[in-house]
Amino acid sequence: MVVFDTYSGDTHCMDRLATAILARMLERRAATTDELRAYVQGLPELAYALESGDNPADVLVALEKLGLVQHDA
């Protein structure tokens, strides 16, 4: 997925795991890290990412740094 930020003019190319997490968050309007992990574990084509050490929390931090998501306390 490629995301264009109209405010900064930046273009972000996201991997499949980040794309799935962002899509799920948009679908649900919000999600916890545990909900996102369970969702990804249910996707056979992405479950390997969790086994190889990728972490939804890390993806969320990266997306927040890009300004694509915002942490809600």
PDB file of N, CA and C in Angstrom:
ATOM      1  N   MET A   1       0.848  -1.164   0.000  1.00  0.00           N
ATOM      2  CA  MET A   1       0.000   0.000   0.000  1.00  0.00           C
ATOM      3  C   MET A   1       0.898   1.233   0.000  1.00  0.00           C
ATOM      4  N   VAL A   2       0.486   2.223  -0.751  1.00  0.00           N
ATOM      5  CA  VAL A   2       1.169   3.508  -0.764  1.00  0.00           C
ATOM      6  C   VAL A   2       0.200   4.540  -0.207  1.00  0.00           C
ATOM      7  N   VAL A   3       0.670   5.328   0.749  1.00  0.00           N
ATOM      8  CA  VAL A   3      -0.152   6.344   1.380  1.00  0.00           C
ATOM      9  C   VAL A   3       0.475   7.703   1.107  1.00  0.00           C
ATOM     10  N   PHE A   4      -0.339   8.625   0.611  1.00  0.00           N
ATOM     11  CA  PHE A   4       0.124   9.985   0.351  1.00  0.00           C
ATOM     12  C   PHE A   4      -0.426  10.901   1.432  1.00  0.00           C
ATOM     13  N   ASP A   5       0.456  11.620   2.109  1.00  0.00           N
ATOM     14  CA  ASP A   5       0.076  12.561   3.160  1.00  0.00           C
ATOM     15  C   ASP A   5      -0.115  13.932   2.525  1.00  0.00           C
ATOM     16  N   THR A   6      -1.346  14.372   2.442  1.00  0.00           N
ATOM     17  CA  THR A   6      -1.631  15.640   1.765  1.00  0.00           C
ATOM     18  C   THR A   6      -1.102  16.851   2.537  1.00  0.00           C
ATOM     19  N   TYR A   7      -0.876  16.694   3.836  1.00  0.00           N
ATOM     20  CA  TYR A   7      -0.372  17.812   4.630  1.00  0.00           C
ATOM     21  C   TYR A   7       1.126  18.027   4.411  1.00  0.00           C
ATOM     22  N   SER A   8       1.890  16.941   4.446  1.00  0.00           N
ATOM     23  CA  SER A   8       3.348  17.077   4.311  1.00  0.00           C
ATOM     24  C   SER A   8       3.828  16.861   2.884  1.00  0.00           C
ATOM     25  N   GLY A   9       3.008  16.213   2.071  1.00  0.00           N
ATOM     26  CA  GLY A   9       3.425  15.886   0.718  1.00  0.00           C
ATOM     27  C   GLY A   9       4.258  14.622   0.649  1.00  0.00           C
ATOM     28  N   ASP A  10       4.408  13.936   1.782  1.00  0.00           N
ATOM     29  CA  ASP A  10       5.202  12.702   1.830  1.00  0.00           C
ATOM     30  C   ASP A  10       4.397  11.518   1.308  1.00  0.00           C
ATOM     31  N   THR A  11       5.102  10.589   0.707  1.00  0.00           N
ATOM     32  CA  THR A  11       4.515   9.335   0.264  1.00  0.00           C
ATOM     33  C   THR A  11       5.154   8.212   1.066  1.00  0.00           C
ATOM     34  N   HIS A  12       4.333   7.323   1.604  1.00  0.00           N
ATOM     35  CA  HIS A  12       4.814   6.221   2.430  1.00  0.00           C
ATOM     36  C   HIS A  12       4.444   4.900   1.774  1.00  0.00           C
ATOM     37  N   CYS A  13       5.429   4.045   1.582  1.00  0.00           N
ATOM     38  CA  CYS A  13       5.197   2.698   1.056  1.00  0.00           C
ATOM     39  C   CYS A  13       5.192   1.749   2.249  1.00  0.00           C
ATOM     40  N   MET A  14       4.066   1.077   2.471  1.00  0.00           N
ATOM     41  CA  MET A  14       3.925   0.221   3.645  1.00  0.00           C
ATOM     42  C   MET A  14       3.983  -1.255   3.255  1.00  0.00           C
ATOM     43  N   ASP A  15       4.556  -2.061   4.149  1.00  0.00           N
ATOM     44  CA  ASP A  15       4.603  -3.500   3.904  1.00  0.00           C
ATOM     45  C   ASP A  15       3.233  -4.115   4.175  1.00  0.00           C
ATOM     46  N   ARG A  16       3.113  -5.416   3.933  1.00  0.00           N
ATOM     47  CA  ARG A  16       1.813  -6.086   4.044  1.00  0.00           C
ATOM     48  C   ARG A  16       1.273  -6.087   5.467  1.00  0.00           C
ATOM     49  N   LEU A  17       2.157  -6.244   6.453  1.00  0.00           N
ATOM     50  CA  LEU A  17       1.711  -6.262   7.850  1.00  0.00           C
ATOM     51  C   LEU A  17       1.172  -4.889   8.246  1.00  0.00           C
ATOM     52  N   ALA A  18       1.899  -3.837   7.933  1.00  0.00           N
ATOM     53  CA  ALA A  18       1.442  -2.480   8.262  1.00  0.00           C
ATOM     54  C   ALA A  18       0.147  -2.150   7.531  1.00  0.00           C
ATOM     55  N   THR A  19       0.042  -2.593   6.301  1.00  0.00           N
ATOM     56  CA  THR A  19      -1.177  -2.359   5.520  1.00  0.00           C
ATOM     57  C   THR A  19      -2.374  -3.043   6.176  1.00  0.00           C
ATOM     58  N   ALA A  20      -2.196  -4.296   6.596  1.00  0.00           N
ATOM     59  CA  ALA A  20      -3.291  -5.041   7.238  1.00  0.00           C
ATOM     60  C   ALA A  20      -3.694  -4.382   8.552  1.00  0.00           C
ATOM     61  N   ILE A  21      -2.722  -3.935   9.320  1.00  0.00           N
ATOM     62  CA  ILE A  21      -3.023  -3.307  10.605  1.00  0.00           C
ATOM     63  C   ILE A  21      -3.746  -1.982  10.401  1.00  0.00           C
ATOM     64  N   LEU A  22      -3.262  -1.165   9.479  1.00  0.00           N
ATOM     65  CA  LEU A  22      -3.918   0.121   9.223  1.00  0.00           C
ATOM     66  C   LEU A  22      -5.339  -0.094   8.686  1.00  0.00           C
ATOM     67  N   ALA A  23      -5.505  -1.048   7.783  1.00  0.00           N
ATOM     68  CA  ALA A  23      -6.830  -1.337   7.232  1.00  0.00           C
ATOM     69  C   ALA A  23      -7.788  -1.796   8.332  1.00  0.00           C
ATOM     70  N   ARG A  24      -7.308  -2.641   9.234  1.00  0.00           N
ATOM     71  CA  ARG A  24      -8.155  -3.129  10.333  1.00  0.00           C
ATOM     72  C   ARG A  24      -8.558  -1.982  11.259  1.00  0.00           C
ATOM     73  N   MET A  25      -7.602  -1.076  11.525  1.00  0.00           N
ATOM     74  CA  MET A  25      -7.905   0.057  12.381  1.00  0.00           C
ATOM     75  C   MET A  25      -8.941   0.977  11.734  1.00  0.00           C
ATOM     76  N   LEU A  26      -8.832   1.170  10.439  1.00  0.00           N
ATOM     77  CA  LEU A  26      -9.807   1.990   9.735  1.00  0.00           C
ATOM     78  C   LEU A  26     -11.186   1.330   9.740  1.00  0.00           C
ATOM     79  N   GLU A  27     -11.188   0.018   9.595  1.00  0.00           N
ATOM     80  CA  GLU A  27     -12.438  -0.739   9.593  1.00  0.00           C
ATOM     81  C   GLU A  27     -13.129  -0.681  10.949  1.00  0.00           C
ATOM     82  N   ARG A  28     -12.338  -0.805  12.010  1.00  0.00           N
ATOM     83  CA  ARG A  28     -12.892  -0.847  13.368  1.00  0.00           C
ATOM     84  C   ARG A  28     -12.977   0.531  14.020  1.00  0.00           C
ATOM     85  N   ARG A  29     -12.357   1.521  13.426  1.00  0.00           N
ATOM     86  CA  ARG A  29     -12.263   2.901  13.939  1.00  0.00           C
ATOM     87  C   ARG A  29     -11.278   3.028  15.082  1.00  0.00           C
ATOM     88  N   ALA A  30     -10.890   1.938  15.687  1.00  0.00           N
ATOM     89  CA  ALA A  30      -9.888   1.903  16.760  1.00  0.00           C
ATOM     90  C   ALA A  30      -9.594   0.442  17.045  1.00  0.00           C
ATOM     91  N   ALA A  31      -8.459   0.177  17.645  1.00  0.00           N
ATOM     92  CA  ALA A  31      -8.127  -1.204  17.990  1.00  0.00           C
ATOM     93  C   ALA A  31      -6.982  -1.201  18.988  1.00  0.00           C
ATOM     94  N   THR A  32      -6.991  -2.189  19.853  1.00  0.00           N
ATOM     95  CA  THR A  32      -5.873  -2.352  20.775  1.00  0.00           C
ATOM     96  C   THR A  32      -4.813  -3.221  20.110  1.00  0.00           C
ATOM     97  N   THR A  33      -3.627  -3.199  20.679  1.00  0.00           N
ATOM     98  CA  THR A  33      -2.542  -4.027  20.157  1.00  0.00           C
ATOM     99  C   THR A  33      -2.914  -5.505  20.207  1.00  0.00           C
ATOM    100  N   ASP A  34      -3.567  -5.927  21.293  1.00  0.00           N
ATOM    101  CA  ASP A  34      -3.968  -7.338  21.416  1.00  0.00           C
ATOM    102  C   ASP A  34      -4.990  -7.713  20.346  1.00  0.00           C
ATOM    103  N   GLU A  35      -5.934  -6.817  20.057  1.00  0.00           N
ATOM    104  CA  GLU A  35      -6.923  -7.085  19.006  1.00  0.00           C
ATOM    105  C   GLU A  35      -6.239  -7.195  17.639  1.00  0.00           C
ATOM    106  N   LEU A  36      -5.274  -6.331  17.406  1.00  0.00           N
ATOM    107  CA  LEU A  36      -4.564  -6.368  16.126  1.00  0.00           C
ATOM    108  C   LEU A  36      -3.727  -7.632  15.990  1.00  0.00           C
ATOM    109  N   ARG A  37      -3.079  -8.051  17.075  1.00  0.00           N
ATOM    110  CA  ARG A  37      -2.295  -9.294  17.051  1.00  0.00           C
ATOM    111  C   ARG A  37      -3.204 -10.478  16.735  1.00  0.00           C
ATOM    112  N   ALA A  38      -4.369 -10.558  17.385  1.00  0.00           N
ATOM    113  CA  ALA A  38      -5.300 -11.660  17.131  1.00  0.00           C
ATOM    114  C   ALA A  38      -5.785 -11.633  15.689  1.00  0.00           C
ATOM    115  N   TYR A  39      -6.032 -10.453  15.163  1.00  0.00           N
ATOM    116  CA  TYR A  39      -6.477 -10.322  13.775  1.00  0.00           C
ATOM    117  C   TYR A  39      -5.405 -10.837  12.814  1.00  0.00           C
ATOM    118  N   VAL A  40      -4.162 -10.406  13.022  1.00  0.00           N
ATOM    119  CA  VAL A  40      -3.072 -10.820  12.132  1.00  0.00           C
ATOM    120  C   VAL A  40      -2.826 -12.322  12.250  1.00  0.00           C
ATOM    121  N   GLN A  41      -2.935 -12.875  13.449  1.00  0.00           N
ATOM    122  CA  GLN A  41      -2.749 -14.312  13.634  1.00  0.00           C
ATOM    123  C   GLN A  41      -3.787 -15.102  12.857  1.00  0.00           C
ATOM    124  N   GLY A  42      -4.949 -14.512  12.612  1.00  0.00           N
ATOM    125  CA  GLY A  42      -5.996 -15.177  11.851  1.00  0.00           C
ATOM    126  C   GLY A  42      -5.815 -15.071  10.346  1.00  0.00           C
ATOM    127  N   LEU A  43      -4.803 -14.364   9.901  1.00  0.00           N
ATOM    128  CA  LEU A  43      -4.515 -14.232   8.470  1.00  0.00           C
ATOM    129  C   LEU A  43      -3.308 -15.102   8.124  1.00  0.00           C
ATOM    130  N   PRO A  44      -3.552 -16.263   7.521  1.00  0.00           N
ATOM    131  CA  PRO A  44      -2.449 -17.186   7.260  1.00  0.00           C
ATOM    132  C   PRO A  44      -1.282 -16.553   6.496  1.00  0.00           C
ATOM    133  N   GLU A  45      -1.595 -15.632   5.592  1.00  0.00           N
ATOM    134  CA  GLU A  45      -0.534 -15.030   4.802  1.00  0.00           C
ATOM    135  C   GLU A  45       0.306 -14.031   5.592  1.00  0.00           C
ATOM    136  N   LEU A  46      -0.142 -13.656   6.793  1.00  0.00           N
ATOM    137  CA  LEU A  46       0.615 -12.708   7.609  1.00  0.00           C
ATOM    138  C   LEU A  46       1.024 -13.252   8.968  1.00  0.00           C
ATOM    139  N   ALA A  47       0.469 -14.379   9.378  1.00  0.00           N
ATOM    140  CA  ALA A  47       0.802 -14.943  10.681  1.00  0.00           C
ATOM    141  C   ALA A  47       2.303 -15.189  10.811  1.00  0.00           C
ATOM    142  N   TYR A  48       2.977 -15.499   9.699  1.00  0.00           N
ATOM    143  CA  TYR A  48       4.425 -15.725   9.725  1.00  0.00           C
ATOM    144  C   TYR A  48       5.166 -14.480  10.229  1.00  0.00           C
ATOM    145  N   ALA A  49       4.617 -13.291   9.969  1.00  0.00           N
ATOM    146  CA  ALA A  49       5.281 -12.052  10.385  1.00  0.00           C
ATOM    147  C   ALA A  49       5.395 -12.004  11.904  1.00  0.00           C
ATOM    148  N   LEU A  50       4.361 -12.455  12.597  1.00  0.00           N
ATOM    149  CA  LEU A  50       4.413 -12.478  14.058  1.00  0.00           C
ATOM    150  C   LEU A  50       5.423 -13.502  14.542  1.00  0.00           C
ATOM    151  N   GLU A  51       5.498 -14.630  13.854  1.00  0.00           N
ATOM    152  CA  GLU A  51       6.441 -15.676  14.235  1.00  0.00           C
ATOM    153  C   GLU A  51       7.888 -15.252  13.996  1.00  0.00           C
ATOM    154  N   SER A  52       8.091 -14.361  13.031  1.00  0.00           N
ATOM    155  CA  SER A  52       9.452 -13.922  12.719  1.00  0.00           C
ATOM    156  C   SER A  52       9.877 -12.715  13.557  1.00  0.00           C
ATOM    157  N   GLY A  53       9.011 -12.302  14.489  1.00  0.00           N
ATOM    158  CA  GLY A  53       9.399 -11.255  15.413  1.00  0.00           C
ATOM    159  C   GLY A  53       8.753  -9.908  15.176  1.00  0.00           C
ATOM    160  N   ASP A  54       8.024  -9.744  14.074  1.00  0.00           N
ATOM    161  CA  ASP A  54       7.317  -8.480  13.874  1.00  0.00           C
ATOM    162  C   ASP A  54       6.235  -8.354  14.939  1.00  0.00           C
ATOM    163  N   ASN A  55       5.951  -7.146  15.324  1.00  0.00           N
ATOM    164  CA  ASN A  55       5.046  -6.913  16.433  1.00  0.00           C
ATOM    165  C   ASN A  55       4.075  -5.792  16.079  1.00  0.00           C
ATOM    166  N   PRO A  56       2.770  -5.994  16.253  1.00  0.00           N
ATOM    167  CA  PRO A  56       1.821  -4.919  15.962  1.00  0.00           C
ATOM    168  C   PRO A  56       2.137  -3.620  16.706  1.00  0.00           C
ATOM    169  N   ALA A  57       2.646  -3.725  17.929  1.00  0.00           N
ATOM    170  CA  ALA A  57       2.979  -2.513  18.681  1.00  0.00           C
ATOM    171  C   ALA A  57       4.071  -1.726  17.970  1.00  0.00           C
ATOM    172  N   ASP A  58       5.058  -2.433  17.417  1.00  0.00           N
ATOM    173  CA  ASP A  58       6.125  -1.761  16.677  1.00  0.00           C
ATOM    174  C   ASP A  58       5.580  -1.096  15.415  1.00  0.00           C
ATOM    175  N   VAL A  59       4.649  -1.767  14.759  1.00  0.00           N
ATOM    176  CA  VAL A  59       4.032  -1.203  13.553  1.00  0.00           C
ATOM    177  C   VAL A  59       3.255   0.058  13.925  1.00  0.00           C
ATOM    178  N   LEU A  60       2.544   0.010  15.049  1.00  0.00           N
ATOM    179  CA  LEU A  60       1.779   1.186  15.479  1.00  0.00           C
ATOM    180  C   LEU A  60       2.693   2.364  15.782  1.00  0.00           C
ATOM    181  N   VAL A  61       3.832   2.099  16.405  1.00  0.00           N
ATOM    182  CA  VAL A  61       4.799   3.169  16.693  1.00  0.00           C
ATOM    183  C   VAL A  61       5.287   3.789  15.386  1.00  0.00           C
ATOM    184  N   ALA A  62       5.606   2.941  14.409  1.00  0.00           N
ATOM    185  CA  ALA A  62       6.073   3.443  13.115  1.00  0.00           C
ATOM    186  C   ALA A  62       4.989   4.253  12.410  1.00  0.00           C
ATOM    187  N   LEU A  63       3.758   3.773  12.450  1.00  0.00           N
ATOM    188  CA  LEU A  63       2.653   4.504  11.819  1.00  0.00           C
ATOM    189  C   LEU A  63       2.397   5.831  12.523  1.00  0.00           C
ATOM    190  N   GLU A  64       2.576   5.843  13.843  1.00  0.00           N
ATOM    191  CA  GLU A  64       2.383   7.097  14.583  1.00  0.00           C
ATOM    192  C   GLU A  64       3.483   8.100  14.225  1.00  0.00           C
ATOM    193  N   LYS A  65       4.723   7.631  14.074  1.00  0.00           N
ATOM    194  CA  LYS A  65       5.812   8.521  13.680  1.00  0.00           C
ATOM    195  C   LYS A  65       5.567   9.140  12.308  1.00  0.00           C
ATOM    196  N   LEU A  66       4.884   8.402  11.451  1.00  0.00           N
ATOM    197  CA  LEU A  66       4.566   8.905  10.116  1.00  0.00           C
ATOM    198  C   LEU A  66       3.330   9.802  10.134  1.00  0.00           C
ATOM    199  N   GLY A  67       2.652   9.854  11.271  1.00  0.00           N
ATOM    200  CA  GLY A  67       1.456  10.681  11.367  1.00  0.00           C
ATOM    201  C   GLY A  67       0.214  10.022  10.811  1.00  0.00           C
ATOM    202  N   LEU A  68       0.269   8.695  10.630  1.00  0.00           N
ATOM    203  CA  LEU A  68      -0.863   7.977  10.043  1.00  0.00           C
ATOM    204  C   LEU A  68      -1.854   7.476  11.081  1.00  0.00           C
ATOM    205  N   VAL A  69      -1.400   7.330  12.327  1.00  0.00           N
ATOM    206  CA  VAL A  69      -2.292   6.963  13.423  1.00  0.00           C
ATOM    207  C   VAL A  69      -1.924   7.822  14.621  1.00  0.00           C
ATOM    208  N   GLN A  70      -2.843   7.877  15.578  1.00  0.00           N
ATOM    209  CA  GLN A  70      -2.604   8.665  16.785  1.00  0.00           C
ATOM    210  C   GLN A  70      -2.957   7.816  17.986  1.00  0.00           C
ATOM    211  N   HIS A  71      -2.074   7.820  18.983  1.00  0.00           N
ATOM    212  CA  HIS A  71      -2.301   7.076  20.213  1.00  0.00           C
ATOM    213  C   HIS A  71      -3.403   7.770  21.016  1.00  0.00           C
ATOM    214  N   ASP A  72      -4.345   6.989  21.487  1.00  0.00           N
ATOM    215  CA  ASP A  72      -5.433   7.518  22.293  1.00  0.00           C
ATOM    216  C   ASP A  72      -5.354   6.872  23.673  1.00  0.00           C
ATOM    217  N   ALA A  73      -5.004   7.647  24.671  1.00  0.00           N
ATOM    218  CA  ALA A  73      -4.812   7.103  26.023  1.00  0.00           C
ATOM    219  C   ALA A  73      -6.113   6.805  26.705  1.00  0.00           C
TER     220      ALA A  73
END
